[in-house]
Amino acid sequence: MIQQELTGRTIQVMDATNQDLVGLTGTVIDETKQTLRIRTDRGEKTLIKEQVAIEVDNVRIEGSLLTTSPEKRTKLRIKQWQRKKPRKQ
């Protein structure tokens, strides 16, 4: 799931440093190295990857695992991701 493109997928925020974002659901319309921009019922929201955990297709993903450019992430092999450790908060 980490290697797949997120643009166009529906995501839900499962955990966040800003508790107002928990439960937010929307479609990813843009992704950068550090952020996800989603379209929700409340308009467009920008999420900082390091500060959220999302669910995509019933799979929970810690945002810190996504903090690389989408182009690079989709080309990485799984072993490279297993070596990457989440950053301390």
N, C-alpha and C. Protein backbone atom coordinates (compact mmCIF):
# COMPACT_ATOMS: atom_id res chain seq x y z
N MET A 1 0.83 -1.20 0.00
CA MET A 1 0.00 0.00 0.00
C MET A 1 0.87 1.26 0.00
N ILE A 2 1.98 1.21 0.71
CA ILE A 2 2.85 2.39 0.82
C ILE A 2 3.39 2.78 -0.55
N GLN A 3 3.63 1.80 -1.40
CA GLN A 3 4.22 2.08 -2.70
C GLN A 3 3.20 2.60 -3.71
N GLN A 4 1.93 2.51 -3.42
CA GLN A 4 0.91 2.90 -4.38
C GLN A 4 0.67 4.40 -4.37
N GLU A 5 0.20 4.89 -5.49
CA GLU A 5 -0.16 6.30 -5.63
C GLU A 5 -1.42 6.56 -4.78
N LEU A 6 -1.42 7.66 -4.04
CA LEU A 6 -2.56 7.99 -3.19
C LEU A 6 -3.54 8.95 -3.87
N THR A 7 -3.08 9.69 -4.86
CA THR A 7 -3.95 10.65 -5.53
C THR A 7 -5.15 9.92 -6.13
N GLY A 8 -6.34 10.44 -5.80
CA GLY A 8 -7.59 9.85 -6.29
C GLY A 8 -8.19 8.85 -5.33
N ARG A 9 -7.48 8.46 -4.31
CA ARG A 9 -7.99 7.49 -3.34
C ARG A 9 -8.72 8.21 -2.20
N THR A 10 -9.67 7.52 -1.62
CA THR A 10 -10.38 8.04 -0.46
C THR A 10 -9.64 7.59 0.79
N ILE A 11 -9.38 8.55 1.68
CA ILE A 11 -8.68 8.26 2.92
C ILE A 11 -9.49 8.75 4.10
N GLN A 12 -9.19 8.21 5.27
CA GLN A 12 -9.78 8.67 6.51
C GLN A 12 -8.66 8.88 7.51
N VAL A 13 -8.71 9.99 8.23
CA VAL A 13 -7.71 10.27 9.26
C VAL A 13 -8.09 9.48 10.51
N MET A 14 -7.18 8.60 10.94
CA MET A 14 -7.43 7.75 12.10
C MET A 14 -6.87 8.33 13.39
N ASP A 15 -5.76 9.06 13.27
CA ASP A 15 -5.13 9.67 14.43
C ASP A 15 -4.38 10.90 13.94
N ALA A 16 -4.30 11.92 14.77
CA ALA A 16 -3.62 13.15 14.38
C ALA A 16 -3.24 13.94 15.62
N THR A 17 -2.19 14.75 15.49
CA THR A 17 -1.83 15.61 16.61
C THR A 17 -2.92 16.64 16.84
N ASN A 18 -3.62 17.06 15.79
CA ASN A 18 -4.78 17.94 15.90
C ASN A 18 -6.02 17.05 15.92
N GLN A 19 -6.60 16.86 17.10
CA GLN A 19 -7.72 15.93 17.25
C GLN A 19 -8.95 16.32 16.44
N ASP A 20 -9.05 17.56 15.98
CA ASP A 20 -10.17 17.97 15.14
C ASP A 20 -10.14 17.27 13.79
N LEU A 21 -8.99 16.74 13.38
CA LEU A 21 -8.86 16.07 12.09
C LEU A 21 -9.25 14.59 12.14
N VAL A 22 -9.28 14.01 13.33
CA VAL A 22 -9.61 12.59 13.47
C VAL A 22 -11.02 12.33 12.95
N GLY A 23 -11.14 11.35 12.07
CA GLY A 23 -12.43 11.01 11.48
C GLY A 23 -12.68 11.70 10.15
N LEU A 24 -11.85 12.65 9.80
CA LEU A 24 -12.01 13.38 8.53
C LEU A 24 -11.81 12.41 7.36
N THR A 25 -12.73 12.45 6.42
CA THR A 25 -12.68 11.57 5.25
C THR A 25 -12.69 12.43 4.01
N GLY A 26 -11.88 12.05 3.02
CA GLY A 26 -11.86 12.80 1.78
C GLY A 26 -11.04 12.10 0.71
N THR A 27 -11.04 12.70 -0.47
CA THR A 27 -10.30 12.17 -1.61
C THR A 27 -9.01 12.95 -1.77
N VAL A 28 -7.89 12.25 -1.91
CA VAL A 28 -6.60 12.90 -2.10
C VAL A 28 -6.57 13.55 -3.48
N ILE A 29 -6.33 14.87 -3.49
CA ILE A 29 -6.27 15.58 -4.77
C ILE A 29 -4.85 16.02 -5.11
N ASP A 30 -3.95 16.02 -4.12
CA ASP A 30 -2.57 16.38 -4.39
C ASP A 30 -1.71 15.84 -3.25
N GLU A 31 -0.48 15.49 -3.60
CA GLU A 31 0.45 14.97 -2.60
C GLU A 31 1.83 15.54 -2.87
N THR A 32 2.46 16.02 -1.81
CA THR A 32 3.85 16.47 -1.90
C THR A 32 4.66 15.62 -0.93
N LYS A 33 5.92 15.93 -0.79
CA LYS A 33 6.79 15.17 0.11
C LYS A 33 6.28 15.22 1.54
N GLN A 34 5.77 16.36 1.98
CA GLN A 34 5.39 16.54 3.37
C GLN A 34 3.88 16.60 3.62
N THR A 35 3.07 16.76 2.57
CA THR A 35 1.63 16.99 2.79
C THR A 35 0.74 16.16 1.87
N LEU A 36 -0.50 16.03 2.31
CA LEU A 36 -1.58 15.48 1.49
C LEU A 36 -2.68 16.53 1.45
N ARG A 37 -3.18 16.85 0.28
CA ARG A 37 -4.31 17.77 0.18
C ARG A 37 -5.52 16.93 -0.21
N ILE A 38 -6.58 17.04 0.60
CA ILE A 38 -7.78 16.23 0.35
C ILE A 38 -9.00 17.11 0.18
N ARG A 39 -9.95 16.61 -0.59
CA ARG A 39 -11.24 17.28 -0.78
C ARG A 39 -12.25 16.57 0.11
N THR A 40 -12.87 17.34 1.01
CA THR A 40 -13.84 16.79 1.95
C THR A 40 -15.17 17.51 1.77
N ASP A 41 -16.15 17.11 2.57
CA ASP A 41 -17.44 17.79 2.56
C ASP A 41 -17.30 19.22 3.08
N ARG A 42 -16.25 19.47 3.87
CA ARG A 42 -16.01 20.80 4.44
C ARG A 42 -15.02 21.62 3.62
N GLY A 43 -14.72 21.18 2.40
CA GLY A 43 -13.78 21.89 1.54
C GLY A 43 -12.44 21.17 1.48
N GLU A 44 -11.45 21.85 0.95
CA GLU A 44 -10.13 21.26 0.83
C GLU A 44 -9.34 21.45 2.13
N LYS A 45 -8.65 20.40 2.54
CA LYS A 45 -7.82 20.42 3.75
C LYS A 45 -6.43 19.93 3.39
N THR A 46 -5.43 20.51 4.02
CA THR A 46 -4.05 20.07 3.85
C THR A 46 -3.60 19.38 5.12
N LEU A 47 -3.13 18.15 4.99
CA LEU A 47 -2.68 17.36 6.12
C LEU A 47 -1.16 17.24 6.07
N ILE A 48 -0.52 17.43 7.20
CA ILE A 48 0.92 17.24 7.29
C ILE A 48 1.15 15.76 7.60
N LYS A 49 1.86 15.07 6.72
CA LYS A 49 2.03 13.63 6.83
C LYS A 49 2.58 13.20 8.18
N GLU A 50 3.56 13.91 8.69
CA GLU A 50 4.19 13.56 9.97
C GLU A 50 3.21 13.58 11.14
N GLN A 51 2.10 14.29 10.98
CA GLN A 51 1.18 14.50 12.10
C GLN A 51 -0.09 13.66 12.04
N VAL A 52 -0.19 12.76 11.06
CA VAL A 52 -1.42 11.98 10.92
C VAL A 52 -1.13 10.50 10.70
N ALA A 53 -2.13 9.70 11.01
CA ALA A 53 -2.18 8.29 10.61
C ALA A 53 -3.47 8.17 9.81
N ILE A 54 -3.38 7.58 8.63
CA ILE A 54 -4.55 7.50 7.75
C ILE A 54 -4.92 6.05 7.50
N GLU A 55 -6.14 5.88 7.00
CA GLU A 55 -6.60 4.56 6.58
C GLU A 55 -6.97 4.65 5.11
N VAL A 56 -6.40 3.72 4.33
CA VAL A 56 -6.69 3.63 2.90
C VAL A 56 -7.05 2.18 2.61
N ASP A 57 -8.22 1.95 2.06
CA ASP A 57 -8.66 0.57 1.75
C ASP A 57 -8.51 -0.35 2.95
N ASN A 58 -8.96 0.10 4.10
CA ASN A 58 -8.93 -0.66 5.36
C ASN A 58 -7.52 -1.00 5.84
N VAL A 59 -6.53 -0.24 5.40
CA VAL A 59 -5.15 -0.42 5.86
C VAL A 59 -4.70 0.88 6.52
N ARG A 60 -4.25 0.77 7.77
CA ARG A 60 -3.77 1.95 8.50
C ARG A 60 -2.31 2.20 8.13
N ILE A 61 -2.00 3.47 7.83
CA ILE A 61 -0.64 3.85 7.46
C ILE A 61 -0.24 5.06 8.29
N GLU A 62 0.90 4.95 8.95
CA GLU A 62 1.45 6.09 9.67
C GLU A 62 1.99 7.08 8.64
N GLY A 63 1.61 8.33 8.76
CA GLY A 63 2.03 9.34 7.80
C GLY A 63 3.53 9.48 7.69
N SER A 64 4.26 9.22 8.78
CA SER A 64 5.71 9.34 8.76
C SER A 64 6.34 8.38 7.75
N LEU A 65 5.66 7.28 7.43
CA LEU A 65 6.17 6.34 6.43
C LEU A 65 6.01 6.86 5.01
N LEU A 66 5.21 7.89 4.86
CA LEU A 66 4.93 8.44 3.52
C LEU A 66 5.76 9.68 3.21
N THR A 67 6.63 10.09 4.12
CA THR A 67 7.33 11.37 3.95
C THR A 67 8.50 11.27 2.98
N THR A 68 8.18 11.05 1.77
CA THR A 68 9.10 11.14 0.65
C THR A 68 8.25 11.56 -0.54
N SER A 69 8.86 12.01 -1.58
CA SER A 69 8.05 12.45 -2.71
C SER A 69 7.33 11.24 -3.30
N PRO A 70 6.11 11.44 -3.79
CA PRO A 70 5.33 10.31 -4.32
C PRO A 70 6.05 9.59 -5.45
N GLU A 71 6.79 10.32 -6.26
CA GLU A 71 7.50 9.71 -7.38
C GLU A 71 8.55 8.71 -6.88
N LYS A 72 9.28 9.10 -5.84
CA LYS A 72 10.30 8.21 -5.29
C LYS A 72 9.67 7.05 -4.53
N ARG A 73 8.62 7.32 -3.77
CA ARG A 73 8.00 6.30 -2.95
C ARG A 73 7.44 5.16 -3.78
N THR A 74 6.84 5.45 -4.92
CA THR A 74 6.24 4.40 -5.72
C THR A 74 7.29 3.52 -6.39
N LYS A 75 8.54 3.98 -6.43
CA LYS A 75 9.62 3.20 -7.04
C LYS A 75 10.43 2.39 -6.04
N LEU A 76 10.30 2.69 -4.75
CA LEU A 76 11.08 2.00 -3.72
C LEU A 76 10.61 0.56 -3.55
N ARG A 77 11.54 -0.27 -3.15
CA ARG A 77 11.21 -1.65 -2.85
C ARG A 77 10.82 -1.76 -1.38
N ILE A 78 10.09 -2.78 -1.04
CA ILE A 78 9.61 -2.97 0.33
C ILE A 78 10.76 -3.03 1.33
N LYS A 79 11.87 -3.67 1.01
CA LYS A 79 12.98 -3.78 1.96
C LYS A 79 13.51 -2.41 2.38
N GLN A 80 13.49 -1.46 1.47
CA GLN A 80 13.93 -0.12 1.82
C GLN A 80 13.00 0.49 2.85
N TRP A 81 11.71 0.22 2.78
CA TRP A 81 10.75 0.76 3.74
C TRP A 81 10.90 0.10 5.10
N GLN A 82 11.24 -1.17 5.09
CA GLN A 82 11.37 -1.87 6.36
C GLN A 82 12.55 -1.33 7.16
N ARG A 83 13.57 -0.82 6.48
CA ARG A 83 14.72 -0.25 7.18
C ARG A 83 14.43 1.14 7.72
N LYS A 84 13.50 1.85 7.10
CA LYS A 84 13.21 3.21 7.51
C LYS A 84 12.46 3.19 8.84
N LYS A 85 12.94 3.94 9.79
CA LYS A 85 12.30 4.00 11.10
C LYS A 85 11.52 5.29 11.22
N PRO A 86 10.35 5.24 11.86
CA PRO A 86 9.58 6.47 12.07
C PRO A 86 10.37 7.48 12.90
N ARG A 87 10.17 8.74 12.61
CA ARG A 87 10.84 9.79 13.36
C ARG A 87 10.24 9.94 14.74
N LYS A 88 11.09 10.34 15.69
CA LYS A 88 10.58 10.60 17.03
C LYS A 88 9.81 11.90 17.02
N GLN A 89 8.73 11.94 17.80
CA GLN A 89 7.92 13.15 17.83
C GLN A 89 8.23 13.98 19.02
